[in-house]
Amino acid sequence: SAALYISGIIRTGSNKNLLTIVAVLGCLPACKSAVNFILFL
């Protein structure tokens, strides 16, 4: 998600692009995985 967000900013010079939306949506499974990690921890 971070790589997609950064590459969108580098490519367009702004965070107002499609890759920002994809990066934010990519945070959903990342957050779910973080909750699972805390549970197993």
ModelCIF file with pLDDT and N, C-alpha, C, O atoms, coordinates in Angstrom:
data_MODEL
#
_entry.id   MODEL 
#
_entity.id                         1 
_entity.type                       polymer 
_entity.pdbx_number_of_molecules   1 
#
_entity_poly.entity_id                      1 
_entity_poly.type                           'polypeptide(L)' 
_entity_poly.nstd_linkage                   no 
_entity_poly.nstd_monomer                   no 
_entity_poly.pdbx_seq_one_letter_code       SAALYISGIIRTGSNKNLLTIVAVLGCLPACKSAVNFILFL 
_entity_poly.pdbx_seq_one_letter_code_can   SAALYISGIIRTGSNKNLLTIVAVLGCLPACKSAVNFILFL 
_entity_poly.pdbx_strand_id                 A 
#
loop_
_entity_poly_seq.entity_id 
_entity_poly_seq.num 
_entity_poly_seq.mon_id 
_entity_poly_seq.hetero 
1 1  SER n 
1 2  ALA n 
1 3  ALA n 
1 4  LEU n 
1 5  TYR n 
1 6  ILE n 
1 7  SER n 
1 8  GLY n 
1 9  ILE n 
1 10 ILE n 
1 11 ARG n 
1 12 THR n 
1 13 GLY n 
1 14 SER n 
1 15 ASN n 
1 16 LYS n 
1 17 ASN n 
1 18 LEU n 
1 19 LEU n 
1 20 THR n 
1 21 ILE n 
1 22 VAL n 
1 23 ALA n 
1 24 VAL n 
1 25 LEU n 
1 26 GLY n 
1 27 CYS n 
1 28 LEU n 
1 29 PRO n 
1 30 ALA n 
1 31 CYS n 
1 32 LYS n 
1 33 SER n 
1 34 ALA n 
1 35 VAL n 
1 36 ASN n 
1 37 PHE n 
1 38 ILE n 
1 39 LEU n 
1 40 PHE n 
1 41 LEU n 
#
_struct_asym.id          A 
_struct_asym.entity_id   1 
#
loop_
_ma_qa_metric.id 
_ma_qa_metric.mode 
_ma_qa_metric.name 
_ma_qa_metric.software_group_id 
_ma_qa_metric.type 
1 global pLDDT . pLDDT 
2 local  pLDDT . pLDDT 
#
_ma_qa_metric_global.metric_id      1 
_ma_qa_metric_global.metric_value   94.63 
_ma_qa_metric_global.model_id       1 
_ma_qa_metric_global.ordinal_id     1 
#
loop_
_ma_qa_metric_local.label_asym_id 
_ma_qa_metric_local.label_comp_id 
_ma_qa_metric_local.label_seq_id 
_ma_qa_metric_local.metric_id 
_ma_qa_metric_local.metric_value 
_ma_qa_metric_local.model_id 
_ma_qa_metric_local.ordinal_id 
A SER 1  2 96.00 1 1  
A ALA 2  2 97.00 1 2  
A ALA 3  2 96.00 1 3  
A LEU 4  2 96.00 1 4  
A TYR 5  2 96.00 1 5  
A ILE 6  2 96.00 1 6  
A SER 7  2 95.00 1 7  
A GLY 8  2 93.00 1 8  
A ILE 9  2 94.00 1 9  
A ILE 10 2 94.00 1 10 
A ARG 11 2 93.00 1 11 
A THR 12 2 92.00 1 12 
A GLY 13 2 90.00 1 13 
A SER 14 2 90.00 1 14 
A ASN 15 2 89.00 1 15 
A LYS 16 2 91.00 1 16 
A ASN 17 2 92.00 1 17 
A LEU 18 2 94.00 1 18 
A LEU 19 2 94.00 1 19 
A THR 20 2 94.00 1 20 
A ILE 21 2 95.00 1 21 
A VAL 22 2 95.00 1 22 
A ALA 23 2 95.00 1 23 
A VAL 24 2 95.00 1 24 
A LEU 25 2 96.00 1 25 
A GLY 26 2 94.00 1 26 
A CYS 27 2 96.00 1 27 
A LEU 28 2 97.00 1 28 
A PRO 29 2 97.00 1 29 
A ALA 30 2 97.00 1 30 
A CYS 31 2 97.00 1 31 
A LYS 32 2 97.00 1 32 
A SER 33 2 97.00 1 33 
A ALA 34 2 97.00 1 34 
A VAL 35 2 96.00 1 35 
A ASN 36 2 95.00 1 36 
A PHE 37 2 96.00 1 37 
A ILE 38 2 95.00 1 38 
A LEU 39 2 93.00 1 39 
A PHE 40 2 95.00 1 40 
A LEU 41 2 93.00 1 41 
#
loop_
_atom_site.group_PDB 
_atom_site.id 
_atom_site.type_symbol 
_atom_site.label_atom_id 
_atom_site.label_alt_id 
_atom_site.label_comp_id 
_atom_site.label_asym_id 
_atom_site.label_entity_id 
_atom_site.label_seq_id 
_atom_site.pdbx_PDB_ins_code 
_atom_site.Cartn_x 
_atom_site.Cartn_y 
_atom_site.Cartn_z 
_atom_site.occupancy 
_atom_site.B_iso_or_equiv 
_atom_site.pdbx_formal_charge 
_atom_site.auth_seq_id 
_atom_site.auth_comp_id 
_atom_site.auth_asym_id 
_atom_site.auth_atom_id 
_atom_site.pdbx_PDB_model_num 
ATOM 1   N N  . SER A 1 1  ? 0.831  -1.210  0.000   1.00 96.00 ? 1  SER A N  1 
ATOM 2   C CA . SER A 1 1  ? 0.000  0.000   0.000   1.00 96.00 ? 1  SER A CA 1 
ATOM 3   C C  . SER A 1 1  ? 0.864  1.258   0.000   1.00 96.00 ? 1  SER A C  1 
ATOM 4   O O  . SER A 1 1  ? 0.577  2.216   -0.719  1.00 96.00 ? 1  SER A O  1 
ATOM 5   N N  . ALA A 1 2  ? 1.918  1.251   0.807   1.00 97.00 ? 2  ALA A N  1 
ATOM 6   C CA . ALA A 1 2  ? 2.815  2.407   0.847   1.00 97.00 ? 2  ALA A CA 1 
ATOM 7   C C  . ALA A 1 2  ? 3.518  2.607   -0.495  1.00 97.00 ? 2  ALA A C  1 
ATOM 8   O O  . ALA A 1 2  ? 3.668  3.738   -0.958  1.00 97.00 ? 2  ALA A O  1 
ATOM 9   N N  . ALA A 1 3  ? 3.944  1.516   -1.114  1.00 96.00 ? 3  ALA A N  1 
ATOM 10  C CA . ALA A 1 3  ? 4.622  1.623   -2.408  1.00 96.00 ? 3  ALA A CA 1 
ATOM 11  C C  . ALA A 1 3  ? 3.685  2.176   -3.481  1.00 96.00 ? 3  ALA A C  1 
ATOM 12  O O  . ALA A 1 3  ? 4.093  2.995   -4.305  1.00 96.00 ? 3  ALA A O  1 
ATOM 13  N N  . LEU A 1 4  ? 2.448  1.732   -3.470  1.00 96.00 ? 4  LEU A N  1 
ATOM 14  C CA . LEU A 1 4  ? 1.475  2.257   -4.436  1.00 96.00 ? 4  LEU A CA 1 
ATOM 15  C C  . LEU A 1 4  ? 1.225  3.747   -4.210  1.00 96.00 ? 4  LEU A C  1 
ATOM 16  O O  . LEU A 1 4  ? 1.166  4.517   -5.168  1.00 96.00 ? 4  LEU A O  1 
ATOM 17  N N  . TYR A 1 5  ? 1.080  4.148   -2.973  1.00 96.00 ? 5  TYR A N  1 
ATOM 18  C CA . TYR A 1 5  ? 0.833  5.550   -2.640  1.00 96.00 ? 5  TYR A CA 1 
ATOM 19  C C  . TYR A 1 5  ? 2.017  6.419   -3.072  1.00 96.00 ? 5  TYR A C  1 
ATOM 20  O O  . TYR A 1 5  ? 1.830  7.461   -3.701  1.00 96.00 ? 5  TYR A O  1 
ATOM 21  N N  . ILE A 1 6  ? 3.218  5.994   -2.736  1.00 96.00 ? 6  ILE A N  1 
ATOM 22  C CA . ILE A 1 6  ? 4.425  6.768   -3.074  1.00 96.00 ? 6  ILE A CA 1 
ATOM 23  C C  . ILE A 1 6  ? 4.630  6.829   -4.585  1.00 96.00 ? 6  ILE A C  1 
ATOM 24  O O  . ILE A 1 6  ? 4.987  7.876   -5.126  1.00 96.00 ? 6  ILE A O  1 
ATOM 25  N N  . SER A 1 7  ? 4.403  5.697   -5.266  1.00 95.00 ? 7  SER A N  1 
ATOM 26  C CA . SER A 1 7  ? 4.583  5.718   -6.724  1.00 95.00 ? 7  SER A CA 1 
ATOM 27  C C  . SER A 1 7  ? 3.557  6.620   -7.396  1.00 95.00 ? 7  SER A C  1 
ATOM 28  O O  . SER A 1 7  ? 3.857  7.230   -8.421  1.00 95.00 ? 7  SER A O  1 
ATOM 29  N N  . GLY A 1 8  ? 2.349  6.717   -6.839  1.00 93.00 ? 8  GLY A N  1 
ATOM 30  C CA . GLY A 1 8  ? 1.343  7.635   -7.385  1.00 93.00 ? 8  GLY A CA 1 
ATOM 31  C C  . GLY A 1 8  ? 1.756  9.083   -7.225  1.00 93.00 ? 8  GLY A C  1 
ATOM 32  O O  . GLY A 1 8  ? 1.555  9.898   -8.126  1.00 93.00 ? 8  GLY A O  1 
ATOM 33  N N  . ILE A 1 9  ? 2.335  9.401   -6.072  1.00 94.00 ? 9  ILE A N  1 
ATOM 34  C CA . ILE A 1 9  ? 2.796  10.777  -5.839  1.00 94.00 ? 9  ILE A CA 1 
ATOM 35  C C  . ILE A 1 9  ? 3.979  11.101  -6.751  1.00 94.00 ? 9  ILE A C  1 
ATOM 36  O O  . ILE A 1 9  ? 4.051  12.194  -7.313  1.00 94.00 ? 9  ILE A O  1 
ATOM 37  N N  . ILE A 1 10 ? 4.902  10.157  -6.896  1.00 94.00 ? 10 ILE A N  1 
ATOM 38  C CA . ILE A 1 10 ? 6.075  10.393  -7.753  1.00 94.00 ? 10 ILE A CA 1 
ATOM 39  C C  . ILE A 1 10 ? 5.636  10.574  -9.209  1.00 94.00 ? 10 ILE A C  1 
ATOM 40  O O  . ILE A 1 10 ? 6.152  11.439  -9.916  1.00 94.00 ? 10 ILE A O  1 
ATOM 41  N N  . ARG A 1 11 ? 4.706  9.773   -9.634  1.00 93.00 ? 11 ARG A N  1 
ATOM 42  C CA . ARG A 1 11 ? 4.273  9.796   -11.039 1.00 93.00 ? 11 ARG A CA 1 
ATOM 43  C C  . ARG A 1 11 ? 3.463  11.045  -11.379 1.00 93.00 ? 11 ARG A C  1 
ATOM 44  O O  . ARG A 1 11 ? 3.647  11.620  -12.451 1.00 93.00 ? 11 ARG A O  1 
ATOM 45  N N  . THR A 1 12 ? 2.567  11.475  -10.484 1.00 92.00 ? 12 THR A N  1 
ATOM 46  C CA . THR A 1 12 ? 1.683  12.603  -10.806 1.00 92.00 ? 12 THR A CA 1 
ATOM 47  C C  . THR A 1 12 ? 2.055  13.899  -10.085 1.00 92.00 ? 12 THR A C  1 
ATOM 48  O O  . THR A 1 12 ? 1.614  14.977  -10.482 1.00 92.00 ? 12 THR A O  1 
ATOM 49  N N  . GLY A 1 13 ? 2.867  13.798  -9.024  1.00 90.00 ? 13 GLY A N  1 
ATOM 50  C CA . GLY A 1 13 ? 3.222  14.986  -8.278  1.00 90.00 ? 13 GLY A CA 1 
ATOM 51  C C  . GLY A 1 13 ? 2.171  15.392  -7.261  1.00 90.00 ? 13 GLY A C  1 
ATOM 52  O O  . GLY A 1 13 ? 2.296  16.443  -6.630  1.00 90.00 ? 13 GLY A O  1 
ATOM 53  N N  . SER A 1 14 ? 1.148  14.587  -7.091  1.00 90.00 ? 14 SER A N  1 
ATOM 54  C CA . SER A 1 14 ? 0.064  14.891  -6.167  1.00 90.00 ? 14 SER A CA 1 
ATOM 55  C C  . SER A 1 14 ? -0.510 13.565  -5.649  1.00 90.00 ? 14 SER A C  1 
ATOM 56  O O  . SER A 1 14 ? -0.329 12.509  -6.255  1.00 90.00 ? 14 SER A O  1 
ATOM 57  N N  . ASN A 1 15 ? -1.203 13.657  -4.517  1.00 89.00 ? 15 ASN A N  1 
ATOM 58  C CA . ASN A 1 15 ? -1.825 12.436  -4.007  1.00 89.00 ? 15 ASN A CA 1 
ATOM 59  C C  . ASN A 1 15 ? -3.248 12.273  -4.548  1.00 89.00 ? 15 ASN A C  1 
ATOM 60  O O  . ASN A 1 15 ? -3.964 11.360  -4.138  1.00 89.00 ? 15 ASN A O  1 
ATOM 61  N N  . LYS A 1 16 ? -3.651 13.139  -5.449  1.00 91.00 ? 16 LYS A N  1 
ATOM 62  C CA . LYS A 1 16 ? -4.982 13.060  -6.053  1.00 91.00 ? 16 LYS A CA 1 
ATOM 63  C C  . LYS A 1 16 ? -4.898 12.257  -7.346  1.00 91.00 ? 16 LYS A C  1 
ATOM 64  O O  . LYS A 1 16 ? -4.922 12.803  -8.449  1.00 91.00 ? 16 LYS A O  1 
ATOM 65  N N  . ASN A 1 17 ? -4.799 10.938  -7.170  1.00 92.00 ? 17 ASN A N  1 
ATOM 66  C CA . ASN A 1 17 ? -4.706 10.048  -8.324  1.00 92.00 ? 17 ASN A CA 1 
ATOM 67  C C  . ASN A 1 17 ? -5.331 8.698   -7.979  1.00 92.00 ? 17 ASN A C  1 
ATOM 68  O O  . ASN A 1 17 ? -5.699 8.436   -6.834  1.00 92.00 ? 17 ASN A O  1 
ATOM 69  N N  . LEU A 1 18 ? -5.435 7.874   -8.973  1.00 94.00 ? 18 LEU A N  1 
ATOM 70  C CA . LEU A 1 18 ? -6.069 6.570   -8.809  1.00 94.00 ? 18 LEU A CA 1 
ATOM 71  C C  . LEU A 1 18 ? -5.259 5.638   -7.906  1.00 94.00 ? 18 LEU A C  1 
ATOM 72  O O  . LEU A 1 18 ? -5.833 4.824   -7.183  1.00 94.00 ? 18 LEU A O  1 
ATOM 73  N N  . LEU A 1 19 ? -3.944 5.751   -7.943  1.00 94.00 ? 19 LEU A N  1 
ATOM 74  C CA . LEU A 1 19 ? -3.111 4.877   -7.102  1.00 94.00 ? 19 LEU A CA 1 
ATOM 75  C C  . LEU A 1 19 ? -3.304 5.168   -5.612  1.00 94.00 ? 19 LEU A C  1 
ATOM 76  O O  . LEU A 1 19 ? -3.126 4.274   -4.784  1.00 94.00 ? 19 LEU A O  1 
ATOM 77  N N  . THR A 1 20 ? -3.661 6.391   -5.263  1.00 94.00 ? 20 THR A N  1 
ATOM 78  C CA . THR A 1 20 ? -3.951 6.707   -3.862  1.00 94.00 ? 20 THR A CA 1 
ATOM 79  C C  . THR A 1 20 ? -5.187 5.951   -3.396  1.00 94.00 ? 20 THR A C  1 
ATOM 80  O O  . THR A 1 20 ? -5.224 5.434   -2.279  1.00 94.00 ? 20 THR A O  1 
ATOM 81  N N  . ILE A 1 21 ? -6.180 5.889   -4.244  1.00 95.00 ? 21 ILE A N  1 
ATOM 82  C CA . ILE A 1 21 ? -7.396 5.143   -3.895  1.00 95.00 ? 21 ILE A CA 1 
ATOM 83  C C  . ILE A 1 21 ? -7.085 3.656   -3.749  1.00 95.00 ? 21 ILE A C  1 
ATOM 84  O O  . ILE A 1 21 ? -7.546 3.008   -2.809  1.00 95.00 ? 21 ILE A O  1 
ATOM 85  N N  . VAL A 1 22 ? -6.315 3.130   -4.665  1.00 95.00 ? 22 VAL A N  1 
ATOM 86  C CA . VAL A 1 22 ? -5.930 1.712   -4.589  1.00 95.00 ? 22 VAL A CA 1 
ATOM 87  C C  . VAL A 1 22 ? -5.109 1.454   -3.324  1.00 95.00 ? 22 VAL A C  1 
ATOM 88  O O  . VAL A 1 22 ? -5.289 0.427   -2.669  1.00 95.00 ? 22 VAL A O  1 
ATOM 89  N N  . ALA A 1 23 ? -4.216 2.374   -2.979  1.00 95.00 ? 23 ALA A N  1 
ATOM 90  C CA . ALA A 1 23 ? -3.392 2.210   -1.775  1.00 95.00 ? 23 ALA A CA 1 
ATOM 91  C C  . ALA A 1 23 ? -4.243 2.233   -0.513  1.00 95.00 ? 23 ALA A C  1 
ATOM 92  O O  . ALA A 1 23 ? -4.018 1.451   0.411   1.00 95.00 ? 23 ALA A O  1 
ATOM 93  N N  . VAL A 1 24 ? -5.225 3.136   -0.480  1.00 95.00 ? 24 VAL A N  1 
ATOM 94  C CA . VAL A 1 24 ? -6.111 3.204   0.689   1.00 95.00 ? 24 VAL A CA 1 
ATOM 95  C C  . VAL A 1 24 ? -6.946 1.932   0.793   1.00 95.00 ? 24 VAL A C  1 
ATOM 96  O O  . VAL A 1 24 ? -7.112 1.394   1.888   1.00 95.00 ? 24 VAL A O  1 
ATOM 97  N N  . LEU A 1 25 ? -7.465 1.452   -0.311  1.00 96.00 ? 25 LEU A N  1 
ATOM 98  C CA . LEU A 1 25 ? -8.226 0.198   -0.295  1.00 96.00 ? 25 LEU A CA 1 
ATOM 99  C C  . LEU A 1 25 ? -7.333 -0.986  0.077   1.00 96.00 ? 25 LEU A C  1 
ATOM 100 O O  . LEU A 1 25 ? -7.798 -1.956  0.675   1.00 96.00 ? 25 LEU A O  1 
ATOM 101 N N  . GLY A 1 26 ? -6.066 -0.903  -0.276  1.00 94.00 ? 26 GLY A N  1 
ATOM 102 C CA . GLY A 1 26 ? -5.111 -1.955  0.091   1.00 94.00 ? 26 GLY A CA 1 
ATOM 103 C C  . GLY A 1 26 ? -4.832 -1.986  1.586   1.00 94.00 ? 26 GLY A C  1 
ATOM 104 O O  . GLY A 1 26 ? -4.338 -2.985  2.109   1.00 94.00 ? 26 GLY A O  1 
ATOM 105 N N  . CYS A 1 27 ? -5.146 -0.897  2.271   1.00 96.00 ? 27 CYS A N  1 
ATOM 106 C CA . CYS A 1 27 ? -4.979 -0.876  3.728   1.00 96.00 ? 27 CYS A CA 1 
ATOM 107 C C  . CYS A 1 27 ? -6.019 -1.734  4.437   1.00 96.00 ? 27 CYS A C  1 
ATOM 108 O O  . CYS A 1 27 ? -5.798 -2.135  5.579   1.00 96.00 ? 27 CYS A O  1 
ATOM 109 N N  . LEU A 1 28 ? -7.141 -2.025  3.795   1.00 97.00 ? 28 LEU A N  1 
ATOM 110 C CA . LEU A 1 28 ? -8.175 -2.847  4.428   1.00 97.00 ? 28 LEU A CA 1 
ATOM 111 C C  . LEU A 1 28 ? -7.672 -4.260  4.759   1.00 97.00 ? 28 LEU A C  1 
ATOM 112 O O  . LEU A 1 28 ? -7.779 -4.685  5.909   1.00 97.00 ? 28 LEU A O  1 
ATOM 113 N N  . PRO A 1 29 ? -7.128 -4.996  3.784   1.00 97.00 ? 29 PRO A N  1 
ATOM 114 C CA . PRO A 1 29 ? -6.596 -6.314  4.155   1.00 97.00 ? 29 PRO A CA 1 
ATOM 115 C C  . PRO A 1 29 ? -5.365 -6.209  5.062   1.00 97.00 ? 29 PRO A C  1 
ATOM 116 O O  . PRO A 1 29 ? -5.112 -7.106  5.866   1.00 97.00 ? 29 PRO A O  1 
ATOM 117 N N  . ALA A 1 30 ? -4.611 -5.133  4.940   1.00 97.00 ? 30 ALA A N  1 
ATOM 118 C CA . ALA A 1 30 ? -3.452 -4.947  5.812   1.00 97.00 ? 30 ALA A CA 1 
ATOM 119 C C  . ALA A 1 30 ? -3.890 -4.755  7.259   1.00 97.00 ? 30 ALA A C  1 
ATOM 120 O O  . ALA A 1 30 ? -3.272 -5.299  8.175   1.00 97.00 ? 30 ALA A O  1 
ATOM 121 N N  . CYS A 1 31 ? -4.948 -3.987  7.465   1.00 97.00 ? 31 CYS A N  1 
ATOM 122 C CA . CYS A 1 31 ? -5.462 -3.780  8.824   1.00 97.00 ? 31 CYS A CA 1 
ATOM 123 C C  . CYS A 1 31 ? -6.068 -5.060  9.383   1.00 97.00 ? 31 CYS A C  1 
ATOM 124 O O  . CYS A 1 31 ? -5.913 -5.347  10.570  1.00 97.00 ? 31 CYS A O  1 
ATOM 125 N N  . LYS A 1 32 ? -6.750 -5.825  8.554   1.00 97.00 ? 32 LYS A N  1 
ATOM 126 C CA . LYS A 1 32 ? -7.299 -7.108  9.002   1.00 97.00 ? 32 LYS A CA 1 
ATOM 127 C C  . LYS A 1 32 ? -6.158 -8.038  9.420   1.00 97.00 ? 32 LYS A C  1 
ATOM 128 O O  . LYS A 1 32 ? -6.256 -8.741  10.426  1.00 97.00 ? 32 LYS A O  1 
ATOM 129 N N  . SER A 1 33 ? -5.103 -8.034  8.656   1.00 97.00 ? 33 SER A N  1 
ATOM 130 C CA . SER A 1 33 ? -3.941 -8.853  8.993   1.00 97.00 ? 33 SER A CA 1 
ATOM 131 C C  . SER A 1 33 ? -3.285 -8.371  10.287  1.00 97.00 ? 33 SER A C  1 
ATOM 132 O O  . SER A 1 33 ? -2.793 -9.181  11.073  1.00 97.00 ? 33 SER A O  1 
ATOM 133 N N  . ALA A 1 34 ? -3.276 -7.059  10.508  1.00 97.00 ? 34 ALA A N  1 
ATOM 134 C CA . ALA A 1 34 ? -2.717 -6.514  11.749  1.00 97.00 ? 34 ALA A CA 1 
ATOM 135 C C  . ALA A 1 34 ? -3.530 -6.948  12.956  1.00 97.00 ? 34 ALA A C  1 
ATOM 136 O O  . ALA A 1 34 ? -2.966 -7.251  14.008  1.00 97.00 ? 34 ALA A O  1 
ATOM 137 N N  . VAL A 1 35 ? -4.858 -6.983  12.813  1.00 96.00 ? 35 VAL A N  1 
ATOM 138 C CA . VAL A 1 35 ? -5.719 -7.452  13.905  1.00 96.00 ? 35 VAL A CA 1 
ATOM 139 C C  . VAL A 1 35 ? -5.435 -8.925  14.196  1.00 96.00 ? 35 VAL A C  1 
ATOM 140 O O  . VAL A 1 35 ? -5.349 -9.320  15.358  1.00 96.00 ? 35 VAL A O  1 
ATOM 141 N N  . ASN A 1 36 ? -5.290 -9.742  13.144  1.00 95.00 ? 36 ASN A N  1 
ATOM 142 C CA . ASN A 1 36 ? -4.945 -11.157 13.342  1.00 95.00 ? 36 ASN A CA 1 
ATOM 143 C C  . ASN A 1 36 ? -3.606 -11.304 14.048  1.00 95.00 ? 36 ASN A C  1 
ATOM 144 O O  . ASN A 1 36 ? -3.447 -12.162 14.917  1.00 95.00 ? 36 ASN A O  1 
ATOM 145 N N  . PHE A 1 37 ? -2.640 -10.463 13.672  1.00 96.00 ? 37 PHE A N  1 
ATOM 146 C CA . PHE A 1 37 ? -1.323 -10.521 14.322  1.00 96.00 ? 37 PHE A CA 1 
ATOM 147 C C  . PHE A 1 37 ? -1.442 -10.224 15.812  1.00 96.00 ? 37 PHE A C  1 
ATOM 148 O O  . PHE A 1 37 ? -0.839 -10.915 16.633  1.00 96.00 ? 37 PHE A O  1 
ATOM 149 N N  . ILE A 1 38 ? -2.209 -9.212  16.161  1.00 95.00 ? 38 ILE A N  1 
ATOM 150 C CA . ILE A 1 38 ? -2.393 -8.861  17.575  1.00 95.00 ? 38 ILE A CA 1 
ATOM 151 C C  . ILE A 1 38 ? -3.065 -10.009 18.322  1.00 95.00 ? 38 ILE A C  1 
ATOM 152 O O  . ILE A 1 38 ? -2.696 -10.317 19.455  1.00 95.00 ? 38 ILE A O  1 
ATOM 153 N N  . LEU A 1 39 ? -4.044 -10.637 17.690  1.00 93.00 ? 39 LEU A N  1 
ATOM 154 C CA . LEU A 1 39 ? -4.723 -11.781 18.300  1.00 93.00 ? 39 LEU A CA 1 
ATOM 155 C C  . LEU A 1 39 ? -3.753 -12.926 18.560  1.00 93.00 ? 39 LEU A C  1 
ATOM 156 O O  . LEU A 1 39 ? -3.748 -13.501 19.649  1.00 93.00 ? 39 LEU A O  1 
ATOM 157 N N  . PHE A 1 40 ? -2.940 -13.258 17.575  1.00 95.00 ? 40 PHE A N  1 
ATOM 158 C CA . PHE A 1 40 ? -1.970 -14.344 17.752  1.00 95.00 ? 40 PHE A CA 1 
ATOM 159 C C  . PHE A 1 40 ? -0.851 -13.949 18.710  1.00 95.00 ? 40 PHE A C  1 
ATOM 160 O O  . PHE A 1 40 ? -0.291 -14.809 19.391  1.00 95.00 ? 40 PHE A O  1 
ATOM 161 N N  . LEU A 1 41 ? -0.521 -12.673 18.772  1.00 93.00 ? 41 LEU A N  1 
ATOM 162 C CA . LEU A 1 41 ? 0.526  -12.211 19.670  1.00 93.00 ? 41 LEU A CA 1 
ATOM 163 C C  . LEU A 1 41 ? 0.142  -12.444 21.124  1.00 93.00 ? 41 LEU A C  1 
ATOM 164 O O  . LEU A 1 41 ? 0.912  -12.113 22.026  1.00 93.00 ? 41 LEU A O  1 
#
